[in-house]
PDB file of N, CA and C in Angstrom:
ATOM      1  N   UNK A   1    -114.959  54.739 111.527  1.00  0.00           N
ATOM      2  CA  UNK A   1    -115.800  55.772 111.473  1.00  0.00           C
ATOM      3  C   UNK A   1    -116.911  55.408 110.615  1.00  0.00           C
ATOM      4  N   UNK A   2    -118.222  55.864 110.889  1.00  0.00           N
ATOM      5  CA  UNK A   2    -119.155  55.263 110.316  1.00  0.00           C
ATOM      6  C   UNK A   2    -119.066  56.136 108.702  1.00  0.00           C
ATOM      7  N   UNK A   3    -119.851  56.052 108.036  1.00  0.00           N
ATOM      8  CA  UNK A   3    -120.399  56.707 106.729  1.00  0.00           C
ATOM      9  C   UNK A   3    -120.651  58.211 106.201  1.00  0.00           C
ATOM     10  N   UNK A   4    -120.112  59.290 105.994  1.00  0.00           N
ATOM     11  CA  UNK A   4    -120.241  60.224 105.806  1.00  0.00           C
ATOM     12  C   UNK A   4    -121.759  60.615 105.409  1.00  0.00           C
ATOM     13  N   UNK A   5    -122.548  61.576 106.043  1.00  0.00           N
ATOM     14  CA  UNK A   5    -123.914  61.349 105.310  1.00  0.00           C
ATOM     15  C   UNK A   5    -124.150  62.692 104.975  1.00  0.00           C
ATOM     16  N   UNK A   6    -122.801  63.817 104.656  1.00  0.00           N
ATOM     17  CA  UNK A   6    -123.030  65.104 104.144  1.00  0.00           C
ATOM     18  C   UNK A   6    -121.958  65.302 103.502  1.00  0.00           C
ATOM     19  N   UNK A   7    -121.846  66.133 102.182  1.00  0.00           N
ATOM     20  CA  UNK A   7    -120.954  65.979 101.595  1.00  0.00           C
ATOM     21  C   UNK A   7    -119.853  66.716 102.248  1.00  0.00           C
ATOM     22  N   UNK A   8    -119.675  67.523 103.624  1.00  0.00           N
ATOM     23  CA  UNK A   8    -118.158  68.188 103.882  1.00  0.00           C
ATOM     24  C   UNK A   8    -118.225  66.485 104.603  1.00  0.00           C
ATOM     25  N   UNK A   9    -118.423  65.901 105.320  1.00  0.00           N
ATOM     26  CA  UNK A   9    -118.416  64.996 106.340  1.00  0.00           C
ATOM     27  C   UNK A   9    -117.312  64.089 104.887  1.00  0.00           C
ATOM     28  N   UNK A  10    -118.148  64.013 104.202  1.00  0.00           N
ATOM     29  CA  UNK A  10    -117.023  62.785 103.329  1.00  0.00           C
ATOM     30  C   UNK A  10    -116.512  63.607 102.793  1.00  0.00           C
ATOM     31  N   UNK A  11    -116.350  64.771 102.414  1.00  0.00           N
ATOM     32  CA  UNK A  11    -114.839  66.256 102.120  1.00  0.00           C
ATOM     33  C   UNK A  11    -113.867  65.629 102.909  1.00  0.00           C
ATOM     34  N   UNK A  12    -114.233  65.360 104.502  1.00  0.00           N
ATOM     35  CA  UNK A  12    -113.170  65.628 105.225  1.00  0.00           C
ATOM     36  C   UNK A  12    -112.956  63.769 106.046  1.00  0.00           C
ATOM     37  N   UNK A  13    -113.915  63.047 105.435  1.00  0.00           N
ATOM     38  CA  UNK A  13    -113.509  61.356 105.145  1.00  0.00           C
ATOM     39  C   UNK A  13    -111.987  61.172 104.545  1.00  0.00           C
ATOM     40  N   UNK A  14    -112.499  61.832 103.094  1.00  0.00           N
ATOM     41  CA  UNK A  14    -111.564  61.162 102.234  1.00  0.00           C
ATOM     42  C   UNK A  14    -109.900  61.740 101.966  1.00  0.00           C
ATOM     43  N   UNK A  15    -110.112  63.520 102.620  1.00  0.00           N
ATOM     44  CA  UNK A  15    -108.949  64.519 103.708  1.00  0.00           C
ATOM     45  C   UNK A  15    -108.129  63.588 104.654  1.00  0.00           C
ATOM     46  N   UNK A  16    -108.949  62.951 105.653  1.00  0.00           N
ATOM     47  CA  UNK A  16    -108.105  61.688 106.231  1.00  0.00           C
ATOM     48  C   UNK A  16    -107.581  60.684 105.716  1.00  0.00           C
ATOM     49  N   UNK A  17    -108.227  60.271 105.123  1.00  0.00           N
ATOM     50  CA  UNK A  17    -107.852  59.090 104.244  1.00  0.00           C
ATOM     51  C   UNK A  17    -106.645  59.369 103.005  1.00  0.00           C
ATOM     52  N   UNK A  18    -106.300  60.907 102.428  1.00  0.00           N
ATOM     53  CA  UNK A  18    -105.351  60.535 101.428  1.00  0.00           C
ATOM     54  C   UNK A  18    -104.333  61.540 102.968  1.00  0.00           C
ATOM     55  N   UNK A  19    -104.527  61.931 103.997  1.00  0.00           N
ATOM     56  CA  UNK A  19    -103.350  62.107 104.900  1.00  0.00           C
ATOM     57  C   UNK A  19    -102.799  61.394 105.428  1.00  0.00           C
ATOM     58  N   UNK A  20    -103.272  60.349 106.054  1.00  0.00           N
ATOM     59  CA  UNK A  20    -103.084  58.755 106.328  1.00  0.00           C
ATOM     60  C   UNK A  20    -102.506  58.064 105.356  1.00  0.00           C
ATOM     61  N   UNK A  21    -102.438  57.949 104.192  1.00  0.00           N
ATOM     62  CA  UNK A  21    -102.222  57.692 102.461  1.00  0.00           C
ATOM     63  C   UNK A  21    -101.121  58.450 102.887  1.00  0.00           C
ATOM     64  N   UNK A  22    -101.162  58.996 102.546  1.00  0.00           N
ATOM     65  CA  UNK A  22     -99.215  60.201 102.610  1.00  0.00           C
ATOM     66  C   UNK A  22     -98.693  59.664 103.243  1.00  0.00           C
ATOM     67  N   UNK A  23     -98.565  59.704 104.217  1.00  0.00           N
ATOM     68  CA  UNK A  23     -98.010  59.391 105.811  1.00  0.00           C
ATOM     69  C   UNK A  23     -97.254  57.671 105.368  1.00  0.00           C
ATOM     70  N   UNK A  24     -98.085  57.085 104.768  1.00  0.00           N
ATOM     71  CA  UNK A  24     -97.756  55.892 104.695  1.00  0.00           C
ATOM     72  C   UNK A  24     -96.660  55.149 103.665  1.00  0.00           C
ATOM     73  N   UNK A  25     -97.056  56.174 102.545  1.00  0.00           N
ATOM     74  CA  UNK A  25     -96.482  56.609 101.366  1.00  0.00           C
ATOM     75  C   UNK A  25     -94.682  57.154 101.859  1.00  0.00           C
ATOM     76  N   UNK A  26     -94.958  58.240 102.637  1.00  0.00           N
ATOM     77  CA  UNK A  26     -93.892  58.666 103.453  1.00  0.00           C
ATOM     78  C   UNK A  26     -92.647  57.606 103.368  1.00  0.00           C
ATOM     79  N   UNK A  27     -93.730  56.561 104.956  1.00  0.00           N
ATOM     80  CA  UNK A  27     -93.074  55.931 105.402  1.00  0.00           C
ATOM     81  C   UNK A  27     -91.676  54.884 104.438  1.00  0.00           C
ATOM     82  N   UNK A  28     -92.628  54.318 103.063  1.00  0.00           N
ATOM     83  CA  UNK A  28     -92.509  53.263 102.057  1.00  0.00           C
ATOM     84  C   UNK A  28     -91.226  54.265 101.610  1.00  0.00           C
ATOM     85  N   UNK A  29     -91.375  55.682 101.239  1.00  0.00           N
ATOM     86  CA  UNK A  29     -90.297  56.752 100.473  1.00  0.00           C
ATOM     87  C   UNK A  29     -88.439  56.296 101.872  1.00  0.00           C
ATOM     88  N   UNK A  30     -89.030  56.149 102.494  1.00  0.00           N
ATOM     89  CA  UNK A  30     -87.998  56.674 103.476  1.00  0.00           C
ATOM     90  C   UNK A  30     -87.300  54.936 104.143  1.00  0.00           C
ATOM     91  N   UNK A  31     -87.941  54.042 104.152  1.00  0.00           N
ATOM     92  CA  UNK A  31     -87.454  52.960 103.909  1.00  0.00           C
ATOM     93  C   UNK A  31     -86.988  52.541 103.168  1.00  0.00           C
ATOM     94  N   UNK A  32     -87.238  52.581 101.646  1.00  0.00           N
ATOM     95  CA  UNK A  32     -87.136  52.504 100.475  1.00  0.00           C
ATOM     96  C   UNK A  32     -85.581  53.031 100.440  1.00  0.00           C
ATOM     97  N   UNK A  33     -85.543  54.181 100.787  1.00  0.00           N
ATOM     98  CA  UNK A  33     -84.452  55.168 100.976  1.00  0.00           C
ATOM     99  C   UNK A  33     -83.051  53.852 101.639  1.00  0.00           C
ATOM    100  N   UNK A  34     -83.933  53.928 102.754  1.00  0.00           N
ATOM    101  CA  UNK A  34     -82.589  53.224 103.687  1.00  0.00           C
ATOM    102  C   UNK A  34     -82.141  51.847 103.010  1.00  0.00           C
ATOM    103  N   UNK A  35     -83.363  50.984 102.736  1.00  0.00           N
ATOM    104  CA  UNK A  35     -82.636  50.000 101.949  1.00  0.00           C
ATOM    105  C   UNK A  35     -81.387  50.186 100.456  1.00  0.00           C
ATOM    106  N   UNK A  36     -82.381  51.469  99.818  1.00  0.00           N
ATOM    107  CA  UNK A  36     -81.030  51.942  98.689  1.00  0.00           C
ATOM    108  C   UNK A  36     -79.634  51.392  99.239  1.00  0.00           C
ATOM    109  N   UNK A  37     -79.645  53.017 100.750  1.00  0.00           N
ATOM    110  CA  UNK A  37     -78.289  52.903 100.591  1.00  0.00           C
ATOM    111  C   UNK A  37     -77.299  51.367 101.713  1.00  0.00           C
ATOM    112  N   UNK A  38     -78.596  50.849 102.253  1.00  0.00           N
ATOM    113  CA  UNK A  38     -77.543  49.821 103.200  1.00  0.00           C
ATOM    114  C   UNK A  38     -77.790  48.743 101.740  1.00  0.00           C
ATOM    115  N   UNK A  39     -77.603  48.438 100.693  1.00  0.00           N
ATOM    116  CA  UNK A  39     -76.767  47.915  99.111  1.00  0.00           C
ATOM    117  C   UNK A  39     -76.365  48.176  98.900  1.00  0.00           C
ATOM    118  N   UNK A  40     -75.877  49.488  98.736  1.00  0.00           N
ATOM    119  CA  UNK A  40     -75.194  50.732  98.289  1.00  0.00           C
ATOM    120  C   UNK A  40     -73.543  50.395  98.826  1.00  0.00           C
ATOM    121  N   UNK A  41     -74.091  50.523 100.900  1.00  0.00           N
ATOM    122  CA  UNK A  41     -72.900  50.085 101.768  1.00  0.00           C
ATOM    123  C   UNK A  41     -72.082  48.949 101.492  1.00  0.00           C
ATOM    124  N   UNK A  42     -73.584  47.585 101.568  1.00  0.00           N
ATOM    125  CA  UNK A  42     -72.938  46.088 101.230  1.00  0.00           C
ATOM    126  C   UNK A  42     -72.372  45.829  99.907  1.00  0.00           C
ATOM    127  N   UNK A  43     -72.618  46.162  98.506  1.00  0.00           N
ATOM    128  CA  UNK A  43     -72.119  46.591  97.540  1.00  0.00           C
ATOM    129  C   UNK A  43     -70.935  46.536  97.888  1.00  0.00           C
ATOM    130  N   UNK A  44     -70.613  47.888  98.162  1.00  0.00           N
ATOM    131  CA  UNK A  44     -68.785  48.311  98.244  1.00  0.00           C
ATOM    132  C   UNK A  44     -68.297  47.375  98.924  1.00  0.00           C
ATOM    133  N   UNK A  45     -69.442  47.111 100.487  1.00  0.00           N
ATOM    134  CA  UNK A  45     -67.622  45.680 101.339  1.00  0.00           C
ATOM    135  C   UNK A  45     -67.916  44.537 100.683  1.00  0.00           C
ATOM    136  N   UNK A  46     -69.033  44.082  99.146  1.00  0.00           N
ATOM    137  CA  UNK A  46     -68.538  43.155  98.852  1.00  0.00           C
ATOM    138  C   UNK A  46     -67.220  43.107  97.642  1.00  0.00           C
ATOM    139  N   UNK A  47     -67.571  44.625  97.218  1.00  0.00           N
ATOM    140  CA  UNK A  47     -66.377  44.892  96.540  1.00  0.00           C
ATOM    141  C   UNK A  47     -65.238  44.502  97.047  1.00  0.00           C
ATOM    142  N   UNK A  48     -64.446  45.414  98.249  1.00  0.00           N
ATOM    143  CA  UNK A  48     -63.297  45.112  98.761  1.00  0.00           C
ATOM    144  C   UNK A  48     -63.309  43.990  99.137  1.00  0.00           C
ATOM    145  N   UNK A  49     -64.563  42.567  99.784  1.00  0.00           N
ATOM    146  CA  UNK A  49     -64.179  41.279  99.991  1.00  0.00           C
ATOM    147  C   UNK A  49     -63.488  40.821  98.699  1.00  0.00           C
ATOM    148  N   UNK A  50     -64.252  40.825  97.401  1.00  0.00           N
ATOM    149  CA  UNK A  50     -63.599  40.186  96.550  1.00  0.00           C
ATOM    150  C   UNK A  50     -61.868  41.084  96.175  1.00  0.00           C
ATOM    151  N   UNK A  51     -61.919  42.024  96.208  1.00  0.00           N
ATOM    152  CA  UNK A  51     -60.397  42.408  95.939  1.00  0.00           C
ATOM    153  C   UNK A  51     -59.426  41.163  97.451  1.00  0.00           C
ATOM    154  N   UNK A  52     -59.422  41.195  98.500  1.00  0.00           N
ATOM    155  CA  UNK A  52     -58.922  40.758  99.682  1.00  0.00           C
ATOM    156  C   UNK A  52     -58.885  39.333  99.230  1.00  0.00           C
ATOM    157  N   UNK A  53     -60.242  38.372  98.364  1.00  0.00           N
ATOM    158  CA  UNK A  53     -60.072  37.201  98.291  1.00  0.00           C
ATOM    159  C   UNK A  53     -59.223  36.821  97.105  1.00  0.00           C
ATOM    160  N   UNK A  54     -59.114  38.101  96.152  1.00  0.00           N
ATOM    161  CA  UNK A  54     -58.695  37.690  95.239  1.00  0.00           C
ATOM    162  C   UNK A  54     -56.209  37.608  95.646  1.00  0.00           C
ATOM    163  N   UNK A  55     -57.000  39.022  96.145  1.00  0.00           N
ATOM    164  CA  UNK A  55     -55.117  39.123  97.098  1.00  0.00           C
ATOM    165  C   UNK A  55     -54.162  37.920  98.189  1.00  0.00           C
ATOM    166  N   UNK A  56     -55.189  37.214  98.460  1.00  0.00           N
ATOM    167  CA  UNK A  56     -54.831  35.803  99.111  1.00  0.00           C
ATOM    168  C   UNK A  56     -54.999  35.092  98.253  1.00  0.00           C
ATOM    169  N   UNK A  57     -56.102  35.117  97.570  1.00  0.00           N
ATOM    170  CA  UNK A  57     -55.271  33.977  96.083  1.00  0.00           C
ATOM    171  C   UNK A  57     -54.404  33.507  95.575  1.00  0.00           C
ATOM    172  N   UNK A  58     -53.599  35.201  95.016  1.00  0.00           N
ATOM    173  CA  UNK A  58     -52.434  35.484  94.728  1.00  0.00           C
ATOM    174  C   UNK A  58     -51.325  35.740  95.421  1.00  0.00           C
ATOM    175  N   UNK A  59     -51.361  35.016  96.772  1.00  0.00           N
ATOM    176  CA  UNK A  59     -50.331  35.023  97.714  1.00  0.00           C
ATOM    177  C   UNK A  59     -50.991  33.452  98.059  1.00  0.00           C
ATOM    178  N   UNK A  60     -51.329  33.002  98.616  1.00  0.00           N
ATOM    179  CA  UNK A  60     -51.581  31.642  98.383  1.00  0.00           C
ATOM    180  C   UNK A  60     -50.969  30.990  97.286  1.00  0.00           C
ATOM    181  N   UNK A  61     -51.675  31.308  96.121  1.00  0.00           N
ATOM    182  CA  UNK A  61     -50.616  30.561  94.856  1.00  0.00           C
ATOM    183  C   UNK A  61     -49.151  30.578  94.844  1.00  0.00           C
ATOM    184  N   UNK A  62     -48.788  31.743  95.287  1.00  0.00           N
ATOM    185  CA  UNK A  62     -46.909  31.615  95.400  1.00  0.00           C
ATOM    186  C   UNK A  62     -46.348  30.308  96.297  1.00  0.00           C
ATOM    187  N   UNK A  63     -47.129  30.657  97.494  1.00  0.00           N
ATOM    188  CA  UNK A  63     -46.632  29.687  98.209  1.00  0.00           C
ATOM    189  C   UNK A  63     -46.812  28.023  97.767  1.00  0.00           C
ATOM    190  N   UNK A  64     -48.054  27.909  97.319  1.00  0.00           N
ATOM    191  CA  UNK A  64     -48.501  26.572  97.362  1.00  0.00           C
ATOM    192  C   UNK A  64     -47.225  26.434  95.892  1.00  0.00           C
ATOM    193  N   UNK A  65     -46.475  26.995  94.881  1.00  0.00           N
ATOM    194  CA  UNK A  65     -45.498  27.011  94.209  1.00  0.00           C
ATOM    195  C   UNK A  65     -44.242  26.755  94.650  1.00  0.00           C
ATOM    196  N   UNK A  66     -44.285  27.146  95.957  1.00  0.00           N
ATOM    197  CA  UNK A  66     -42.985  27.145  96.623  1.00  0.00           C
ATOM    198  C   UNK A  66     -42.570  25.504  97.000  1.00  0.00           C
ATOM    199  N   UNK A  67     -43.937  25.095  97.753  1.00  0.00           N
ATOM    200  CA  UNK A  67     -44.217  24.127  98.305  1.00  0.00           C
ATOM    201  C   UNK A  67     -43.924  22.970  97.144  1.00  0.00           C
ATOM    202  N   UNK A  68     -44.539  23.309  96.186  1.00  0.00           N
ATOM    203  CA  UNK A  68     -44.660  22.071  95.246  1.00  0.00           C
ATOM    204  C   UNK A  68     -43.278  21.950  94.607  1.00  0.00           C
ATOM    205  N   UNK A  69     -42.832  22.991  94.822  1.00  0.00           N
ATOM    206  CA  UNK A  69     -40.504  22.988  93.883  1.00  0.00           C
ATOM    207  C   UNK A  69     -40.941  22.327  95.716  1.00  0.00           C
ATOM    208  N   UNK A  70     -40.716  22.198  96.376  1.00  0.00           N
ATOM    209  CA  UNK A  70     -39.721  21.768  97.569  1.00  0.00           C
ATOM    210  C   UNK A  70     -39.854  20.189  98.086  1.00  0.00           C
ATOM    211  N   UNK A  71     -41.943  20.123  97.657  1.00  0.00           N
ATOM    212  CA  UNK A  71     -41.889  18.803  97.734  1.00  0.00           C
ATOM    213  C   UNK A  71     -41.154  18.052  95.984  1.00  0.00           C
ATOM    214  N   UNK A  72     -40.921  18.599  95.321  1.00  0.00           N
ATOM    215  CA  UNK A  72     -40.367  18.059  94.124  1.00  0.00           C
ATOM    216  C   UNK A  72     -38.476  17.551  94.704  1.00  0.00           C
ATOM    217  N   UNK A  73     -38.253  18.048  95.071  1.00  0.00           N
ATOM    218  CA  UNK A  73     -36.611  18.336  95.709  1.00  0.00           C
ATOM    219  C   UNK A  73     -36.732  17.028  96.937  1.00  0.00           C
ATOM    220  N   UNK A  74     -37.873  17.012  97.140  1.00  0.00           N
ATOM    221  CA  UNK A  74     -37.155  16.131  98.641  1.00  0.00           C
ATOM    222  C   UNK A  74     -38.144  14.615  97.724  1.00  0.00           C
ATOM    223  N   UNK A  75     -38.484  14.424  97.376  1.00  0.00           N
ATOM    224  CA  UNK A  75     -38.078  13.141  96.536  1.00  0.00           C
ATOM    225  C   UNK A  75     -37.386  12.767  95.446  1.00  0.00           C
ATOM    226  N   UNK A  76     -36.498  14.039  94.743  1.00  0.00           N
ATOM    227  CA  UNK A  76     -35.214  13.825  94.488  1.00  0.00           C
ATOM    228  C   UNK A  76     -34.716  13.532  95.372  1.00  0.00           C
ATOM    229  N   UNK A  77     -34.273  13.708  96.954  1.00  0.00           N
ATOM    230  CA  UNK A  77     -33.274  13.618  97.771  1.00  0.00           C
ATOM    231  C   UNK A  77     -34.018  12.323  97.816  1.00  0.00           C
ATOM    232  N   UNK A  78     -35.073  11.426  98.482  1.00  0.00           N
ATOM    233  CA  UNK A  78     -35.489  10.290  98.928  1.00  0.00           C
ATOM    234  C   UNK A  78     -35.075   9.165  97.685  1.00  0.00           C
ATOM    235  N   UNK A  79     -35.141   9.899  96.134  1.00  0.00           N
ATOM    236  CA  UNK A  79     -34.563   8.605  95.010  1.00  0.00           C
ATOM    237  C   UNK A  79     -32.990   9.199  95.701  1.00  0.00           C
ATOM    238  N   UNK A  80     -32.504   9.731  95.710  1.00  0.00           N
ATOM    239  CA  UNK A  80     -31.119   9.849  96.185  1.00  0.00           C
ATOM    240  C   UNK A  80     -30.161   8.976  96.833  1.00  0.00           C
ATOM    241  N   UNK A  81     -31.398   9.394  98.104  1.00  0.00           N
ATOM    242  CA  UNK A  81     -31.495   8.417  99.605  1.00  0.00           C
ATOM    243  C   UNK A  81     -31.384   6.994  98.831  1.00  0.00           C
ATOM    244  N   UNK A  82     -31.967   6.554  98.648  1.00  0.00           N
ATOM    245  CA  UNK A  82     -32.428   5.345  97.846  1.00  0.00           C
ATOM    246  C   UNK A  82     -31.275   4.391  97.238  1.00  0.00           C
ATOM    247  N   UNK A  83     -30.898   5.592  96.482  1.00  0.00           N
ATOM    248  CA  UNK A  83     -29.323   4.846  95.291  1.00  0.00           C
ATOM    249  C   UNK A  83     -28.363   4.542  96.464  1.00  0.00           C
ATOM    250  N   UNK A  84     -27.818   5.551  96.937  1.00  0.00           N
ATOM    251  CA  UNK A  84     -26.772   5.720  97.903  1.00  0.00           C
ATOM    252  C   UNK A  84     -26.099   4.191  98.663  1.00  0.00           C
ATOM    253  N   UNK A  85     -27.358   3.432  99.267  1.00  0.00           N
ATOM    254  CA  UNK A  85     -26.966   3.069  99.434  1.00  0.00           C
ATOM    255  C   UNK A  85     -26.346   1.810  98.670  1.00  0.00           C
ATOM    256  N   UNK A  86     -26.984   1.064  98.013  1.00  0.00           N
ATOM    257  CA  UNK A  86     -26.479   0.048  96.872  1.00  0.00           C
ATOM    258  C   UNK A  86     -25.281   0.708  96.080  1.00  0.00           C
ATOM    259  N   UNK A  87     -25.328   2.121  95.634  1.00  0.00           N
ATOM    260  CA  UNK A  87     -23.923   2.704  94.951  1.00  0.00           C
ATOM    261  C   UNK A  87     -23.070   2.335  95.911  1.00  0.00           C
ATOM    262  N   UNK A  88     -22.923   2.824  97.218  1.00  0.00           N
ATOM    263  CA  UNK A  88     -22.301   2.748  98.147  1.00  0.00           C
ATOM    264  C   UNK A  88     -21.556   0.826  98.337  1.00  0.00           C
ATOM    265  N   UNK A  89     -22.371   0.539  98.431  1.00  0.00           N
ATOM    266  CA  UNK A  89     -22.099  -1.014  98.291  1.00  0.00           C
ATOM    267  C   UNK A  89     -21.002  -1.227  97.057  1.00  0.00           C
ATOM    268  N   UNK A  90     -21.881  -0.784  95.907  1.00  0.00           N
ATOM    269  CA  UNK A  90     -20.434  -0.915  94.351  1.00  0.00           C
ATOM    270  C   UNK A  90     -19.588  -0.407  94.329  1.00  0.00           C
ATOM    271  N   UNK A  91     -19.547   0.380  94.937  1.00  0.00           N
ATOM    272  CA  UNK A  91     -17.639   1.736  95.080  1.00  0.00           C
ATOM    273  C   UNK A  91     -17.201   0.709  96.307  1.00  0.00           C
ATOM    274  N   UNK A  92     -17.674   0.406  96.911  1.00  0.00           N
ATOM    275  CA  UNK A  92     -16.526  -0.452  98.168  1.00  0.00           C
ATOM    276  C   UNK A  92     -15.938  -1.822  97.590  1.00  0.00           C
ATOM    277  N   UNK A  93     -17.007  -2.678  96.834  1.00  0.00           N
ATOM    278  CA  UNK A  93     -16.739  -3.816  95.859  1.00  0.00           C
ATOM    279  C   UNK A  93     -15.328  -3.485  95.065  1.00  0.00           C
ATOM    280  N   UNK A  94     -15.866  -2.665  94.373  1.00  0.00           N
ATOM    281  CA  UNK A  94     -14.251  -1.584  93.342  1.00  0.00           C
ATOM    282  C   UNK A  94     -13.263  -1.263  93.907  1.00  0.00           C
ATOM    283  N   UNK A  95     -13.315  -0.527  94.692  1.00  0.00           N
ATOM    284  CA  UNK A  95     -12.669  -0.103  95.905  1.00  0.00           C
ATOM    285  C   UNK A  95     -11.535  -1.421  96.507  1.00  0.00           C
ATOM    286  N   UNK A  96     -11.933  -2.593  96.658  1.00  0.00           N
ATOM    287  CA  UNK A  96     -11.463  -3.241  97.745  1.00  0.00           C
ATOM    288  C   UNK A  96     -10.484  -4.712  96.239  1.00  0.00           C
ATOM    289  N   UNK A  97     -11.511  -4.502  94.910  1.00  0.00           N
ATOM    290  CA  UNK A  97     -10.984  -5.452  93.687  1.00  0.00           C
ATOM    291  C   UNK A  97      -9.980  -4.265  93.509  1.00  0.00           C
ATOM    292  N   UNK A  98      -9.638  -2.940  93.445  1.00  0.00           N
ATOM    293  CA  UNK A  98      -9.050  -2.012  93.002  1.00  0.00           C
ATOM    294  C   UNK A  98      -7.421  -2.827  94.479  1.00  0.00           C
ATOM    295  N   UNK A  99      -7.794  -2.842  95.135  1.00  0.00           N
ATOM    296  CA  UNK A  99      -7.066  -2.661  96.050  1.00  0.00           C
ATOM    297  C   UNK A  99      -5.876  -4.434  96.628  1.00  0.00           C
ATOM    298  N   UNK A 100      -6.816  -4.766  96.062  1.00  0.00           N
ATOM    299  CA  UNK A 100      -6.599  -6.385  95.832  1.00  0.00           C
ATOM    300  C   UNK A 100      -5.542  -6.797  94.586  1.00  0.00           C
ATOM    301  N   UNK A 101      -6.114  -5.521  93.472  1.00  0.00           N
ATOM    302  CA  UNK A 101      -5.435  -5.990  92.134  1.00  0.00           C
ATOM    303  C   UNK A 101      -3.876  -4.966  92.111  1.00  0.00           C
ATOM    304  N   UNK A 102      -3.838  -4.011  93.150  1.00  0.00           N
ATOM    305  CA  UNK A 102      -2.387  -3.490  93.197  1.00  0.00           C
ATOM    306  C   UNK A 102      -1.707  -4.727  94.476  1.00  0.00           C
ATOM    307  N   UNK A 103      -2.744  -5.129  95.136  1.00  0.00           N
ATOM    308  CA  UNK A 103      -1.635  -5.515  95.902  1.00  0.00           C
ATOM    309  C   UNK A 103      -1.174  -7.347  95.360  1.00  0.00           C
ATOM    310  N   UNK A 104      -1.744  -7.332  94.502  1.00  0.00           N
ATOM    311  CA  UNK A 104      -1.197  -8.485  93.486  1.00  0.00           C
ATOM    312  C   UNK A 104      -0.192  -7.904  92.352  1.00  0.00           C
ATOM    313  N   UNK A 105      -0.285  -6.675  92.069  1.00  0.00           N
ATOM    314  CA  UNK A 105       0.383  -6.101  91.358  1.00  0.00           C
ATOM    315  C   UNK A 105       2.190  -6.221  92.100  1.00  0.00           C
ATOM    316  N   UNK A 106       1.755  -5.657  92.978  1.00  0.00           N
ATOM    317  CA  UNK A 106       3.030  -4.669  93.387  1.00  0.00           C
ATOM    318  C   UNK A 106       3.697  -6.017  94.135  1.00  0.00           C
ATOM    319  N   UNK A 107       3.558  -7.634  94.213  1.00  0.00           N
ATOM    320  CA  UNK A 107       4.315  -8.186  94.539  1.00  0.00           C
ATOM    321  C   UNK A 107       4.370  -7.940  95.857  1.00  0.00           C
ATOM    322  N   UNK A 108       3.670  -7.510  96.316  1.00  0.00           N
ATOM    323  CA  UNK A 108       2.369  -8.038  97.973  1.00  0.00           C
ATOM    324  C   UNK A 108       2.485  -9.815  98.639  1.00  0.00           C
ATOM    325  N   UNK A 109       3.200 -10.276  99.209  1.00  0.00           N
ATOM    326  CA  UNK A 109       2.751 -11.441  99.514  1.00  0.00           C
ATOM    327  C   UNK A 109       3.044 -11.928 100.384  1.00  0.00           C
ATOM    328  N   UNK A 110       3.616 -13.015 100.622  1.00  0.00           N
ATOM    329  CA  UNK A 110       4.215 -14.177 102.245  1.00  0.00           C
ATOM    330  C   UNK A 110       5.157 -13.581 101.979  1.00  0.00           C
ATOM    331  N   UNK A 111       5.865 -13.382 103.061  1.00  0.00           N
ATOM    332  CA  UNK A 111       7.616 -12.889 103.350  1.00  0.00           C
ATOM    333  C   UNK A 111       8.264 -14.659 103.823  1.00  0.00           C
TER     334      UNK A 111
END
C-alpha cells in the first residue's frame, strides 16, 4: 500500500496495521501456550521415566548382588575341587599305611 494522503487514510492504515499486529500477537500467545502445555507433558513423562529407571536400578542391584554371591560360591567350590585331588592322594596314602601297619601288627604274613 502506498503512503496515506489524508488523515482518514492514515488512520485506516494504522488501524489495519494494528489488526495485523494483534493477529500476530494472538498467534504468538497461542504458540506459547502450546509450548508450555507440551513442556508440561514432557516434564511429567520425564519424572515417570526417572522413577522407572530408579526402580530398574534397584532391581538390577539386587540381582547383581545375588550373582556376585554366586560367583564367590563358585570360586570357593573351584578351590575345593582343586584341593580334592591332592587331599584324596594323601588320604589314600594314609589308608594304605594304616592297612599295612594293621597287617603287620595282626601278624598276617606268609603261611
